[in-house]
Amino acid sequence: MVVWWPADAPDNPSADPLGGLAQRRITDLYAVERPLEVLETRARFYTPGDTDLAWTRLTPWRSILAAALDQAPVKVTSAAVEAEAENPSAELLARWLEARLKVKADRVVSPGPLVTAVRLGTDNGEISLDRPEGPLATLTLPGQPSRTLALKVRPLSELIAEELRRLDADDMYAVALRGRDLRTLEETA
């Protein structure tokens, strides 16, 4: 069973009468007035099976960044996520980068819309994924020509479909939500 709250999700989705019956509980930080405050509440009450569409919106970003790091296996020394102010996806992406790369990820306010760029500093130069507007992004790796990639803002139907394909707990969402690596989460559980 999957429960989705398009708006007005409870602070603790797994404690909700319907949420307690579900394997997956889908919320959307874009549907709340103060998304970063609610993000902290969701982190406090996280239960395996919880997820948020603010995280789902990042799947293409995370896939491209992971592939870029596979192509250029270098140590990342700094990170920055650029987005409109109070963007919950940007905060989750920054926390995920911090946990996985063991570096501080700066949050940089841009005009938006949504997440507009990720910059990863390395000793060989900067890796950047830049989408200032529209459905196309530019991926730049040190010593390689820039590439243009499709990175469109996906409609709600695609986000829900992605979540319905997965009924197990999303461990990486837990990592991003809490800003700690899974090993740290397991040690504190």
N, C-alpha and C. Protein backbone atom coordinates (compact mmCIF):
# COMPACT_ATOMS: atom_id res chain seq x y z
N MET A 1 0.84 -1.18 0.00
CA MET A 1 0.00 0.00 0.00
C MET A 1 0.89 1.25 0.00
N VAL A 2 0.47 2.24 -0.76
CA VAL A 2 1.18 3.52 -0.85
C VAL A 2 0.19 4.62 -0.49
N VAL A 3 0.63 5.56 0.33
CA VAL A 3 -0.18 6.73 0.65
C VAL A 3 0.57 7.96 0.16
N TRP A 4 -0.16 8.83 -0.53
CA TRP A 4 0.42 10.08 -1.02
C TRP A 4 -0.43 11.24 -0.51
N TRP A 5 0.24 12.18 0.11
CA TRP A 5 -0.41 13.41 0.55
C TRP A 5 0.01 14.51 -0.42
N PRO A 6 -0.85 14.96 -1.32
CA PRO A 6 -0.48 16.04 -2.23
C PRO A 6 -0.31 17.37 -1.50
N ALA A 7 -0.92 17.49 -0.32
CA ALA A 7 -0.79 18.68 0.53
C ALA A 7 -1.18 18.27 1.94
N ASP A 8 -0.85 19.11 2.90
CA ASP A 8 -1.25 18.88 4.29
C ASP A 8 -0.86 17.51 4.83
N ALA A 9 0.35 17.10 4.58
CA ALA A 9 0.84 15.82 5.12
C ALA A 9 1.06 15.96 6.62
N PRO A 10 0.90 14.89 7.36
CA PRO A 10 1.15 14.95 8.81
C PRO A 10 2.65 15.12 9.09
N ASP A 11 2.96 15.65 10.27
CA ASP A 11 4.36 15.80 10.67
C ASP A 11 5.06 14.44 10.69
N ASN A 12 4.36 13.42 11.14
CA ASN A 12 4.92 12.08 11.23
C ASN A 12 4.05 11.16 10.38
N PRO A 13 4.37 11.01 9.09
CA PRO A 13 3.52 10.24 8.19
C PRO A 13 3.28 8.79 8.64
N SER A 14 4.26 8.15 9.24
CA SER A 14 4.08 6.75 9.63
C SER A 14 3.15 6.60 10.83
N ALA A 15 2.94 7.67 11.61
CA ALA A 15 2.04 7.62 12.75
C ALA A 15 0.60 7.97 12.37
N ASP A 16 0.39 8.43 11.15
CA ASP A 16 -0.94 8.72 10.65
C ASP A 16 -1.72 7.41 10.49
N PRO A 17 -3.03 7.41 10.73
CA PRO A 17 -3.79 6.16 10.59
C PRO A 17 -3.62 5.47 9.23
N LEU A 18 -3.65 6.23 8.15
CA LEU A 18 -3.41 5.63 6.83
C LEU A 18 -1.93 5.35 6.61
N GLY A 19 -1.09 6.27 7.02
CA GLY A 19 0.35 6.10 6.83
C GLY A 19 0.88 4.88 7.55
N GLY A 20 0.31 4.54 8.69
CA GLY A 20 0.75 3.36 9.43
C GLY A 20 0.47 2.06 8.71
N LEU A 21 -0.47 2.07 7.77
CA LEU A 21 -0.80 0.87 6.99
C LEU A 21 0.07 0.72 5.75
N ALA A 22 0.71 1.79 5.35
CA ALA A 22 1.40 1.82 4.06
C ALA A 22 2.85 1.37 4.15
N GLN A 23 3.33 0.79 3.04
CA GLN A 23 4.75 0.48 2.90
C GLN A 23 5.53 1.73 2.50
N ARG A 24 4.88 2.56 1.69
CA ARG A 24 5.49 3.81 1.23
C ARG A 24 4.55 4.96 1.56
N ARG A 25 5.16 6.05 2.04
CA ARG A 25 4.44 7.25 2.40
C ARG A 25 5.09 8.42 1.66
N ILE A 26 4.34 9.01 0.72
CA ILE A 26 4.88 10.05 -0.16
C ILE A 26 4.34 11.41 0.25
N THR A 27 5.23 12.33 0.51
CA THR A 27 4.87 13.71 0.82
C THR A 27 5.53 14.63 -0.21
N ASP A 28 5.25 15.92 -0.12
CA ASP A 28 5.85 16.86 -1.07
C ASP A 28 6.14 18.19 -0.36
N LEU A 29 7.41 18.43 -0.12
CA LEU A 29 7.83 19.67 0.54
C LEU A 29 7.51 20.92 -0.27
N TYR A 30 7.26 20.76 -1.57
CA TYR A 30 6.89 21.90 -2.40
C TYR A 30 5.46 22.35 -2.12
N ALA A 31 4.70 21.56 -1.38
CA ALA A 31 3.30 21.88 -1.10
C ALA A 31 3.12 22.56 0.26
N VAL A 32 4.20 22.90 0.94
CA VAL A 32 4.09 23.50 2.27
C VAL A 32 4.64 24.93 2.24
N GLU A 33 4.23 25.70 3.23
CA GLU A 33 4.61 27.12 3.27
C GLU A 33 6.07 27.32 3.67
N ARG A 34 6.56 26.58 4.64
CA ARG A 34 7.94 26.71 5.10
C ARG A 34 8.67 25.38 4.92
N PRO A 35 9.10 25.10 3.70
CA PRO A 35 9.62 23.77 3.40
C PRO A 35 10.85 23.35 4.20
N LEU A 36 11.75 24.28 4.50
CA LEU A 36 12.95 23.87 5.23
C LEU A 36 12.64 23.55 6.69
N GLU A 37 11.66 24.22 7.27
CA GLU A 37 11.23 23.88 8.63
C GLU A 37 10.57 22.50 8.64
N VAL A 38 9.72 22.25 7.67
CA VAL A 38 9.03 20.96 7.58
C VAL A 38 10.04 19.85 7.30
N LEU A 39 11.07 20.14 6.50
CA LEU A 39 12.12 19.16 6.24
C LEU A 39 12.76 18.70 7.55
N GLU A 40 13.01 19.62 8.46
CA GLU A 40 13.60 19.26 9.75
C GLU A 40 12.65 18.37 10.56
N THR A 41 11.36 18.66 10.49
CA THR A 41 10.37 17.83 11.18
C THR A 41 10.35 16.43 10.57
N ARG A 42 10.38 16.35 9.24
CA ARG A 42 10.38 15.04 8.56
C ARG A 42 11.64 14.25 8.92
N ALA A 43 12.75 14.93 9.07
CA ALA A 43 13.99 14.24 9.47
C ALA A 43 13.85 13.66 10.87
N ARG A 44 13.23 14.41 11.75
CA ARG A 44 13.06 13.97 13.14
C ARG A 44 12.15 12.74 13.22
N PHE A 45 11.11 12.68 12.39
CA PHE A 45 10.15 11.59 12.46
C PHE A 45 10.33 10.53 11.37
N TYR A 46 11.43 10.60 10.63
CA TYR A 46 11.63 9.66 9.51
C TYR A 46 11.46 8.21 9.95
N THR A 47 10.75 7.45 9.12
CA THR A 47 10.59 6.01 9.28
C THR A 47 10.85 5.40 7.91
N PRO A 48 11.57 4.26 7.83
CA PRO A 48 11.76 3.63 6.52
C PRO A 48 10.42 3.45 5.80
N GLY A 49 10.40 3.85 4.54
CA GLY A 49 9.19 3.86 3.73
C GLY A 49 8.71 5.28 3.45
N ASP A 50 9.19 6.25 4.24
CA ASP A 50 8.88 7.66 3.97
C ASP A 50 9.70 8.14 2.78
N THR A 51 9.12 9.00 1.98
CA THR A 51 9.85 9.67 0.92
C THR A 51 9.15 10.98 0.60
N ASP A 52 9.82 11.81 -0.17
CA ASP A 52 9.26 13.11 -0.51
C ASP A 52 9.56 13.41 -1.98
N LEU A 53 8.60 14.01 -2.66
CA LEU A 53 8.79 14.33 -4.07
C LEU A 53 9.89 15.36 -4.30
N ALA A 54 10.25 16.13 -3.27
CA ALA A 54 11.41 17.03 -3.41
C ALA A 54 12.67 16.22 -3.65
N TRP A 55 12.75 15.02 -3.09
CA TRP A 55 13.87 14.11 -3.32
C TRP A 55 13.76 13.45 -4.69
N THR A 56 12.55 13.05 -5.05
CA THR A 56 12.33 12.39 -6.34
C THR A 56 12.70 13.32 -7.49
N ARG A 57 12.45 14.61 -7.33
CA ARG A 57 12.80 15.57 -8.38
C ARG A 57 14.30 15.58 -8.66
N LEU A 58 15.11 15.09 -7.74
CA LEU A 58 16.57 15.12 -7.88
C LEU A 58 17.15 13.89 -8.57
N THR A 59 16.36 12.89 -8.88
CA THR A 59 16.90 11.66 -9.46
C THR A 59 17.76 11.93 -10.69
N PRO A 60 17.31 12.73 -11.67
CA PRO A 60 18.20 12.98 -12.82
C PRO A 60 19.48 13.72 -12.42
N TRP A 61 19.40 14.66 -11.50
CA TRP A 61 20.59 15.38 -11.04
C TRP A 61 21.57 14.40 -10.41
N ARG A 62 21.07 13.55 -9.52
CA ARG A 62 21.95 12.60 -8.82
C ARG A 62 22.57 11.61 -9.79
N SER A 63 21.79 11.16 -10.78
CA SER A 63 22.30 10.20 -11.77
C SER A 63 23.43 10.81 -12.60
N ILE A 64 23.22 12.03 -13.05
CA ILE A 64 24.25 12.70 -13.86
C ILE A 64 25.51 12.95 -13.04
N LEU A 65 25.34 13.41 -11.80
CA LEU A 65 26.51 13.68 -10.96
C LEU A 65 27.28 12.39 -10.64
N ALA A 66 26.56 11.32 -10.35
CA ALA A 66 27.23 10.04 -10.08
C ALA A 66 27.98 9.56 -11.32
N ALA A 67 27.37 9.66 -12.49
CA ALA A 67 28.04 9.26 -13.73
C ALA A 67 29.27 10.14 -14.00
N ALA A 68 29.15 11.43 -13.72
CA ALA A 68 30.29 12.34 -13.92
C ALA A 68 31.45 11.94 -13.03
N LEU A 69 31.16 11.58 -11.79
CA LEU A 69 32.24 11.18 -10.88
C LEU A 69 32.82 9.82 -11.24
N ASP A 70 32.02 8.98 -11.88
CA ASP A 70 32.55 7.71 -12.39
C ASP A 70 33.50 7.96 -13.56
N GLN A 71 33.19 8.96 -14.41
CA GLN A 71 34.02 9.29 -15.56
C GLN A 71 35.32 9.97 -15.15
N ALA A 72 35.24 10.76 -14.10
CA ALA A 72 36.40 11.51 -13.62
C ALA A 72 36.62 11.15 -12.15
N PRO A 73 37.20 9.97 -11.89
CA PRO A 73 37.35 9.54 -10.49
C PRO A 73 38.42 10.38 -9.77
N VAL A 74 37.96 11.46 -9.16
CA VAL A 74 38.85 12.37 -8.45
C VAL A 74 38.27 12.62 -7.06
N LYS A 75 39.11 13.11 -6.18
CA LYS A 75 38.62 13.47 -4.84
C LYS A 75 37.96 14.84 -4.93
N VAL A 76 36.73 14.91 -4.47
CA VAL A 76 36.01 16.17 -4.43
C VAL A 76 36.41 16.90 -3.15
N THR A 77 36.81 18.16 -3.30
CA THR A 77 37.29 18.94 -2.15
C THR A 77 36.30 20.00 -1.70
N SER A 78 35.32 20.32 -2.54
CA SER A 78 34.30 21.31 -2.17
C SER A 78 33.07 21.06 -3.02
N ALA A 79 31.95 21.58 -2.55
CA ALA A 79 30.70 21.43 -3.30
C ALA A 79 29.82 22.65 -3.06
N ALA A 80 29.00 22.96 -4.04
CA ALA A 80 28.03 24.05 -3.91
C ALA A 80 26.79 23.67 -4.71
N VAL A 81 25.64 23.94 -4.12
CA VAL A 81 24.36 23.74 -4.79
C VAL A 81 23.72 25.11 -4.93
N GLU A 82 23.37 25.45 -6.16
CA GLU A 82 22.75 26.75 -6.44
C GLU A 82 21.28 26.56 -6.73
N ALA A 83 20.44 27.35 -6.06
CA ALA A 83 18.99 27.23 -6.24
C ALA A 83 18.30 28.47 -5.71
N GLU A 84 17.02 28.58 -6.05
CA GLU A 84 16.21 29.64 -5.47
C GLU A 84 16.19 29.46 -3.95
N ALA A 85 15.93 30.53 -3.24
CA ALA A 85 15.92 30.49 -1.78
C ALA A 85 14.86 29.52 -1.27
N GLU A 86 15.16 28.88 -0.14
CA GLU A 86 14.22 27.98 0.54
C GLU A 86 13.80 26.79 -0.32
N ASN A 87 14.66 26.33 -1.21
CA ASN A 87 14.32 25.21 -2.08
C ASN A 87 14.62 23.89 -1.36
N PRO A 88 13.61 23.07 -1.07
CA PRO A 88 13.86 21.84 -0.33
C PRO A 88 14.69 20.82 -1.10
N SER A 89 14.54 20.77 -2.41
CA SER A 89 15.35 19.84 -3.19
C SER A 89 16.83 20.21 -3.11
N ALA A 90 17.13 21.49 -3.16
CA ALA A 90 18.52 21.94 -3.05
C ALA A 90 19.11 21.55 -1.70
N GLU A 91 18.33 21.70 -0.64
CA GLU A 91 18.81 21.32 0.69
C GLU A 91 19.07 19.81 0.77
N LEU A 92 18.16 19.02 0.24
CA LEU A 92 18.37 17.56 0.24
C LEU A 92 19.59 17.18 -0.60
N LEU A 93 19.77 17.83 -1.74
CA LEU A 93 20.92 17.54 -2.59
C LEU A 93 22.22 17.92 -1.89
N ALA A 94 22.24 19.06 -1.23
CA ALA A 94 23.45 19.48 -0.50
C ALA A 94 23.77 18.48 0.62
N ARG A 95 22.76 18.05 1.34
CA ARG A 95 22.99 17.08 2.42
C ARG A 95 23.48 15.74 1.88
N TRP A 96 22.92 15.32 0.75
CA TRP A 96 23.35 14.07 0.12
C TRP A 96 24.82 14.17 -0.31
N LEU A 97 25.19 15.28 -0.94
CA LEU A 97 26.59 15.47 -1.35
C LEU A 97 27.51 15.47 -0.14
N GLU A 98 27.12 16.14 0.92
CA GLU A 98 27.95 16.17 2.13
C GLU A 98 28.16 14.77 2.69
N ALA A 99 27.09 14.00 2.76
CA ALA A 99 27.19 12.65 3.33
C ALA A 99 28.01 11.72 2.45
N ARG A 100 27.81 11.79 1.16
CA ARG A 100 28.47 10.85 0.24
C ARG A 100 29.91 11.25 -0.08
N LEU A 101 30.17 12.57 -0.18
CA LEU A 101 31.51 13.03 -0.58
C LEU A 101 32.37 13.48 0.59
N LYS A 102 31.78 13.57 1.76
CA LYS A 102 32.49 13.98 2.98
C LYS A 102 33.11 15.37 2.84
N VAL A 103 32.35 16.29 2.24
CA VAL A 103 32.76 17.70 2.12
C VAL A 103 31.56 18.57 2.50
N LYS A 104 31.83 19.79 2.87
CA LYS A 104 30.75 20.73 3.13
C LYS A 104 30.21 21.22 1.79
N ALA A 105 28.90 21.23 1.68
CA ALA A 105 28.27 21.72 0.45
C ALA A 105 27.65 23.09 0.75
N ASP A 106 28.15 24.11 0.08
CA ASP A 106 27.60 25.45 0.25
C ASP A 106 26.24 25.53 -0.44
N ARG A 107 25.35 26.32 0.15
CA ARG A 107 24.06 26.59 -0.46
C ARG A 107 24.14 28.01 -1.01
N VAL A 108 23.98 28.16 -2.31
CA VAL A 108 24.11 29.45 -2.98
C VAL A 108 22.75 29.82 -3.58
N VAL A 109 22.25 30.99 -3.23
CA VAL A 109 20.96 31.43 -3.74
C VAL A 109 21.13 31.95 -5.17
N SER A 110 20.31 31.42 -6.07
CA SER A 110 20.30 31.86 -7.46
C SER A 110 18.88 32.33 -7.79
N PRO A 111 18.70 32.95 -8.95
CA PRO A 111 17.35 33.39 -9.30
C PRO A 111 16.38 32.23 -9.54
N GLY A 112 16.90 31.01 -9.67
CA GLY A 112 16.04 29.87 -9.95
C GLY A 112 15.74 29.81 -11.43
N PRO A 113 14.78 29.06 -11.83
CA PRO A 113 13.86 28.33 -10.97
C PRO A 113 14.47 27.03 -10.47
N LEU A 114 14.04 26.62 -9.29
CA LEU A 114 14.44 25.37 -8.68
C LEU A 114 15.96 25.30 -8.51
N VAL A 115 16.53 24.09 -8.64
CA VAL A 115 17.98 23.92 -8.57
C VAL A 115 18.54 24.35 -9.92
N THR A 116 19.56 25.20 -9.90
CA THR A 116 20.11 25.70 -11.17
C THR A 116 21.52 25.20 -11.45
N ALA A 117 22.26 24.77 -10.42
CA ALA A 117 23.62 24.30 -10.68
C ALA A 117 24.17 23.54 -9.48
N VAL A 118 25.11 22.64 -9.78
CA VAL A 118 25.92 21.99 -8.77
C VAL A 118 27.35 22.13 -9.23
N ARG A 119 28.21 22.55 -8.31
CA ARG A 119 29.63 22.71 -8.63
C ARG A 119 30.44 21.90 -7.63
N LEU A 120 31.31 21.05 -8.15
CA LEU A 120 32.16 20.21 -7.31
C LEU A 120 33.61 20.58 -7.58
N GLY A 121 34.31 21.03 -6.56
CA GLY A 121 35.72 21.38 -6.71
C GLY A 121 36.60 20.15 -6.56
N THR A 122 37.59 20.04 -7.43
CA THR A 122 38.58 18.96 -7.35
C THR A 122 39.96 19.57 -7.58
N ASP A 123 41.00 18.81 -7.31
CA ASP A 123 42.36 19.29 -7.59
C ASP A 123 42.60 19.47 -9.09
N ASN A 124 41.81 18.79 -9.92
CA ASN A 124 41.97 18.88 -11.38
C ASN A 124 41.12 19.98 -12.00
N GLY A 125 40.27 20.62 -11.21
CA GLY A 125 39.36 21.64 -11.73
C GLY A 125 37.94 21.37 -11.28
N GLU A 126 37.03 22.19 -11.77
CA GLU A 126 35.65 22.11 -11.32
C GLU A 126 34.82 21.18 -12.20
N ILE A 127 33.99 20.38 -11.55
CA ILE A 127 32.95 19.62 -12.22
C ILE A 127 31.68 20.42 -12.00
N SER A 128 30.97 20.75 -13.08
CA SER A 128 29.75 21.54 -12.90
C SER A 128 28.61 20.97 -13.74
N LEU A 129 27.45 21.04 -13.15
CA LEU A 129 26.21 20.71 -13.84
C LEU A 129 25.35 21.95 -13.70
N ASP A 130 25.12 22.63 -14.82
CA ASP A 130 24.51 23.96 -14.80
C ASP A 130 23.24 23.96 -15.65
N ARG A 131 22.10 24.28 -15.01
CA ARG A 131 20.83 24.41 -15.74
C ARG A 131 20.18 25.73 -15.31
N PRO A 132 20.60 26.84 -15.92
CA PRO A 132 20.07 28.13 -15.49
C PRO A 132 18.59 28.31 -15.81
N GLU A 133 18.12 27.71 -16.89
CA GLU A 133 16.70 27.78 -17.25
C GLU A 133 16.44 26.80 -18.38
N GLY A 134 15.20 26.39 -18.52
CA GLY A 134 14.84 25.50 -19.60
C GLY A 134 15.19 24.05 -19.32
N PRO A 135 14.99 23.18 -20.32
CA PRO A 135 15.16 21.74 -20.12
C PRO A 135 16.57 21.21 -20.36
N LEU A 136 17.52 22.09 -20.70
CA LEU A 136 18.87 21.62 -21.00
C LEU A 136 19.87 22.09 -19.96
N ALA A 137 20.83 21.21 -19.68
CA ALA A 137 21.90 21.52 -18.73
C ALA A 137 23.23 21.33 -19.43
N THR A 138 24.25 21.94 -18.87
CA THR A 138 25.61 21.77 -19.37
C THR A 138 26.44 21.09 -18.29
N LEU A 139 27.06 19.96 -18.69
CA LEU A 139 27.96 19.24 -17.80
C LEU A 139 29.38 19.54 -18.23
N THR A 140 30.18 20.02 -17.29
CA THR A 140 31.58 20.34 -17.56
C THR A 140 32.46 19.52 -16.63
N LEU A 141 33.39 18.79 -17.22
CA LEU A 141 34.37 18.00 -16.47
C LEU A 141 35.76 18.52 -16.82
N PRO A 142 36.69 18.54 -15.87
CA PRO A 142 38.04 19.03 -16.15
C PRO A 142 38.68 18.26 -17.31
N GLY A 143 39.25 19.01 -18.25
CA GLY A 143 39.97 18.41 -19.37
C GLY A 143 39.10 17.79 -20.43
N GLN A 144 37.79 17.99 -20.36
CA GLN A 144 36.89 17.43 -21.37
C GLN A 144 36.00 18.54 -21.92
N PRO A 145 35.53 18.36 -23.15
CA PRO A 145 34.60 19.38 -23.68
C PRO A 145 33.28 19.33 -22.92
N SER A 146 32.63 20.47 -22.81
CA SER A 146 31.32 20.54 -22.15
C SER A 146 30.30 19.77 -22.97
N ARG A 147 29.32 19.20 -22.26
CA ARG A 147 28.25 18.45 -22.92
C ARG A 147 26.90 19.03 -22.53
N THR A 148 26.00 19.06 -23.48
CA THR A 148 24.64 19.49 -23.22
C THR A 148 23.79 18.24 -22.99
N LEU A 149 23.03 18.26 -21.89
CA LEU A 149 22.21 17.12 -21.50
C LEU A 149 20.78 17.55 -21.24
N ALA A 150 19.84 16.65 -21.47
CA ALA A 150 18.45 16.92 -21.11
C ALA A 150 18.31 16.83 -19.60
N LEU A 151 17.74 17.84 -18.99
CA LEU A 151 17.52 17.87 -17.55
C LEU A 151 16.27 18.71 -17.29
N LYS A 152 15.16 18.19 -17.78
CA LYS A 152 13.91 18.95 -17.69
C LYS A 152 13.28 18.81 -16.31
N VAL A 153 12.42 19.74 -16.00
CA VAL A 153 11.60 19.66 -14.80
C VAL A 153 10.48 18.68 -15.13
N ARG A 154 10.41 17.58 -14.37
CA ARG A 154 9.45 16.53 -14.68
C ARG A 154 8.07 16.83 -14.08
N PRO A 155 7.02 16.43 -14.79
CA PRO A 155 5.67 16.66 -14.26
C PRO A 155 5.37 15.73 -13.08
N LEU A 156 4.37 16.10 -12.32
CA LEU A 156 3.98 15.35 -11.13
C LEU A 156 3.70 13.88 -11.47
N SER A 157 3.07 13.62 -12.60
CA SER A 157 2.75 12.23 -12.97
C SER A 157 4.01 11.37 -13.07
N GLU A 158 5.09 11.92 -13.61
CA GLU A 158 6.36 11.17 -13.70
C GLU A 158 6.97 10.93 -12.33
N LEU A 159 6.86 11.91 -11.44
CA LEU A 159 7.40 11.76 -10.09
C LEU A 159 6.66 10.67 -9.33
N ILE A 160 5.35 10.68 -9.40
CA ILE A 160 4.55 9.66 -8.72
C ILE A 160 4.84 8.28 -9.33
N ALA A 161 4.92 8.20 -10.64
CA ALA A 161 5.22 6.92 -11.30
C ALA A 161 6.56 6.37 -10.83
N GLU A 162 7.56 7.24 -10.69
CA GLU A 162 8.86 6.79 -10.20
C GLU A 162 8.74 6.21 -8.79
N GLU A 163 8.00 6.88 -7.94
CA GLU A 163 7.84 6.40 -6.57
C GLU A 163 7.06 5.09 -6.51
N LEU A 164 6.10 4.90 -7.39
CA LEU A 164 5.30 3.68 -7.39
C LEU A 164 6.09 2.47 -7.90
N ARG A 165 7.18 2.72 -8.61
CA ARG A 165 8.04 1.61 -9.06
C ARG A 165 8.90 1.07 -7.92
N ARG A 166 8.92 1.77 -6.81
CA ARG A 166 9.79 1.40 -5.70
C ARG A 166 8.95 1.28 -4.44
N LEU A 167 8.90 0.09 -3.86
CA LEU A 167 8.11 -0.10 -2.64
C LEU A 167 8.98 -0.39 -1.43
N ASP A 168 10.29 -0.50 -1.63
CA ASP A 168 11.18 -0.71 -0.49
C ASP A 168 11.63 0.65 0.07
N ALA A 169 12.27 0.63 1.21
CA ALA A 169 12.76 1.87 1.82
C ALA A 169 13.85 2.49 0.94
N ASP A 170 13.85 3.79 0.84
CA ASP A 170 14.85 4.53 0.07
C ASP A 170 15.94 5.00 1.04
N ASP A 171 16.98 4.20 1.17
CA ASP A 171 18.04 4.51 2.12
C ASP A 171 18.75 5.82 1.80
N MET A 172 18.90 6.15 0.53
CA MET A 172 19.58 7.39 0.18
C MET A 172 18.74 8.62 0.54
N TYR A 173 17.43 8.48 0.51
CA TYR A 173 16.57 9.57 0.99
C TYR A 173 16.82 9.79 2.47
N ALA A 174 16.94 8.70 3.22
CA ALA A 174 17.22 8.82 4.66
C ALA A 174 18.55 9.52 4.88
N VAL A 175 19.54 9.18 4.08
CA VAL A 175 20.85 9.82 4.18
C VAL A 175 20.72 11.32 3.89
N ALA A 176 20.03 11.66 2.81
CA ALA A 176 19.88 13.07 2.44
C ALA A 176 19.05 13.82 3.48
N LEU A 177 18.00 13.20 3.95
CA LEU A 177 17.12 13.85 4.91
C LEU A 177 17.85 14.18 6.20
N ARG A 178 18.64 13.25 6.67
CA ARG A 178 19.34 13.43 7.94
C ARG A 178 20.73 14.01 7.77
N GLY A 179 21.23 14.03 6.53
CA GLY A 179 22.54 14.62 6.29
C GLY A 179 23.70 13.80 6.82
N ARG A 180 23.48 12.50 6.94
CA ARG A 180 24.54 11.62 7.43
C ARG A 180 24.58 10.37 6.57
N ASP A 181 25.74 9.78 6.47
CA ASP A 181 25.91 8.55 5.73
C ASP A 181 25.10 7.44 6.39
N LEU A 182 24.71 6.45 5.62
CA LEU A 182 23.91 5.34 6.12
C LEU A 182 24.60 4.62 7.27
N ARG A 183 25.91 4.47 7.22
CA ARG A 183 26.61 3.80 8.32
C ARG A 183 26.41 4.56 9.62
N THR A 184 26.44 5.89 9.56
CA THR A 184 26.20 6.70 10.74
C THR A 184 24.77 6.52 11.22
N LEU A 185 23.81 6.44 10.27
CA LEU A 185 22.42 6.24 10.64
C LEU A 185 22.23 4.89 11.34
N GLU A 186 22.90 3.84 10.84
CA GLU A 186 22.77 2.52 11.44
C GLU A 186 23.40 2.50 12.83
N GLU A 187 24.50 3.22 13.02
CA GLU A 187 25.16 3.25 14.32
C GLU A 187 24.31 3.96 15.37
N THR A 188 23.51 4.96 14.94
CA THR A 188 22.71 5.71 15.90
C THR A 188 21.32 5.12 16.10
N ALA A 189 20.97 4.12 15.31
CA ALA A 189 19.62 3.51 15.42
C ALA A 189 19.53 2.58 16.61
